[in-house]
Amino acid sequence: VRHRGWSGLTAHDVADIVGVDVVGELGTVSQVPRVAETTGIRTLGALPRALRKAVRCVLPQEVA
């Protein structure tokens, strides 16, 4: 789940709505949305630490 202050939804709310368990939570990581939308996520180089941590929650270790 990517937290947005304005949404008012908790991780539990999101899990109930989509019908799956939330295994990772991510706050806003500065610059990532803009870079991803304008030049692509691959241009970031190394992912920011918070994003890497969330990725490890949902992908097998050999992929992450």
C-alpha atoms as a PDB file:
ATOM      1  CA  VAL A   1       0.000   0.000   0.000  1.00  0.00           C
ATOM      2  CA  ARG A   2       1.294   3.445  -0.836  1.00  0.00           C
ATOM      3  CA  HIS A   3       0.089   5.825   1.849  1.00  0.00           C
ATOM      4  CA  ARG A   4      -1.384   9.130   0.815  1.00  0.00           C
ATOM      5  CA  GLY A   5      -2.438  11.477   3.570  1.00  0.00           C
ATOM      6  CA  TRP A   6      -5.613  12.527   1.830  1.00  0.00           C
ATOM      7  CA  SER A   7      -7.011   9.024   1.239  1.00  0.00           C
ATOM      8  CA  GLY A   8      -8.114   8.327   4.804  1.00  0.00           C
ATOM      9  CA  LEU A   9      -7.772   4.573   4.217  1.00  0.00           C
ATOM     10  CA  THR A  10      -5.808   2.321   6.527  1.00  0.00           C
ATOM     11  CA  ALA A  11      -3.928  -0.765   5.349  1.00  0.00           C
ATOM     12  CA  HIS A  12      -6.771  -2.827   6.852  1.00  0.00           C
ATOM     13  CA  ASP A  13      -9.345  -0.844   4.835  1.00  0.00           C
ATOM     14  CA  VAL A  14      -7.397  -1.436   1.624  1.00  0.00           C
ATOM     15  CA  ALA A  15      -7.104  -5.163   2.381  1.00  0.00           C
ATOM     16  CA  ASP A  16     -10.873  -5.376   2.897  1.00  0.00           C
ATOM     17  CA  ILE A  17     -11.584  -3.509  -0.342  1.00  0.00           C
ATOM     18  CA  VAL A  18      -9.231  -5.459  -2.614  1.00  0.00           C
ATOM     19  CA  GLY A  19      -9.567  -8.802  -0.843  1.00  0.00           C
ATOM     20  CA  VAL A  20      -5.851  -9.513  -0.282  1.00  0.00           C
ATOM     21  CA  ASP A  21      -3.495  -9.106   2.663  1.00  0.00           C
ATOM     22  CA  VAL A  22      -1.290  -6.024   2.776  1.00  0.00           C
ATOM     23  CA  VAL A  23       2.306  -7.238   3.076  1.00  0.00           C
ATOM     24  CA  GLY A  24       4.096  -3.907   2.728  1.00  0.00           C
ATOM     25  CA  GLU A  25       3.434  -0.224   3.239  1.00  0.00           C
ATOM     26  CA  LEU A  26       5.138   2.691   1.571  1.00  0.00           C
ATOM     27  CA  GLY A  27       4.964   6.385   2.286  1.00  0.00           C
ATOM     28  CA  THR A  28       5.701   9.034  -0.301  1.00  0.00           C
ATOM     29  CA  VAL A  29       9.237   8.745  -1.656  1.00  0.00           C
ATOM     30  CA  SER A  30      10.330  12.116  -2.997  1.00  0.00           C
ATOM     31  CA  GLN A  31      11.027  12.400  -6.723  1.00  0.00           C
ATOM     32  CA  VAL A  32       9.949   8.823  -7.535  1.00  0.00           C
ATOM     33  CA  PRO A  33       6.461   9.682  -8.891  1.00  0.00           C
ATOM     34  CA  ARG A  34       7.777  12.524 -11.074  1.00  0.00           C
ATOM     35  CA  VAL A  35      10.725  10.525 -12.431  1.00  0.00           C
ATOM     36  CA  ALA A  36       8.565   7.450 -13.049  1.00  0.00           C
ATOM     37  CA  GLU A  37       6.004   9.493 -14.985  1.00  0.00           C
ATOM     38  CA  THR A  38       8.445  11.584 -17.023  1.00  0.00           C
ATOM     39  CA  THR A  39      11.471   9.410 -17.762  1.00  0.00           C
ATOM     40  CA  GLY A  40      10.698   5.949 -16.377  1.00  0.00           C
ATOM     41  CA  ILE A  41      11.518   4.184 -13.132  1.00  0.00           C
ATOM     42  CA  ARG A  42      14.659   2.635 -14.632  1.00  0.00           C
ATOM     43  CA  THR A  43      16.302   6.065 -14.843  1.00  0.00           C
ATOM     44  CA  LEU A  44      16.412   6.276 -11.040  1.00  0.00           C
ATOM     45  CA  GLY A  45      19.417   3.972 -10.864  1.00  0.00           C
ATOM     46  CA  ALA A  46      19.252   2.420  -7.400  1.00  0.00           C
ATOM     47  CA  LEU A  47      15.814   2.490  -5.834  1.00  0.00           C
ATOM     48  CA  PRO A  48      15.417   4.564  -2.683  1.00  0.00           C
ATOM     49  CA  ARG A  49      15.734   2.482   0.509  1.00  0.00           C
ATOM     50  CA  ALA A  50      12.030   2.716   1.448  1.00  0.00           C
ATOM     51  CA  LEU A  51      11.010   1.508  -2.007  1.00  0.00           C
ATOM     52  CA  ARG A  52      13.537  -1.368  -1.928  1.00  0.00           C
ATOM     53  CA  LYS A  53      12.134  -2.461   1.436  1.00  0.00           C
ATOM     54  CA  ALA A  54       8.578  -2.535   0.061  1.00  0.00           C
ATOM     55  CA  VAL A  55       9.701  -4.434  -3.051  1.00  0.00           C
ATOM     56  CA  ARG A  56      11.322  -7.103  -0.879  1.00  0.00           C
ATOM     57  CA  CYS A  57       7.967  -7.639   0.864  1.00  0.00           C
ATOM     58  CA  VAL A  58       6.227  -8.632  -2.356  1.00  0.00           C
ATOM     59  CA  LEU A  59       8.905 -10.160  -4.616  1.00  0.00           C
ATOM     60  CA  PRO A  60      10.992 -13.286  -4.113  1.00  0.00           C
ATOM     61  CA  GLN A  61      14.518 -12.533  -2.872  1.00  0.00           C
ATOM     62  CA  GLU A  62      16.175 -13.680  -6.114  1.00  0.00           C
ATOM     63  CA  VAL A  63      14.171 -11.096  -8.089  1.00  0.00           C
ATOM     64  CA  ALA A  64      14.439  -8.197  -5.628  1.00  0.00           C
END
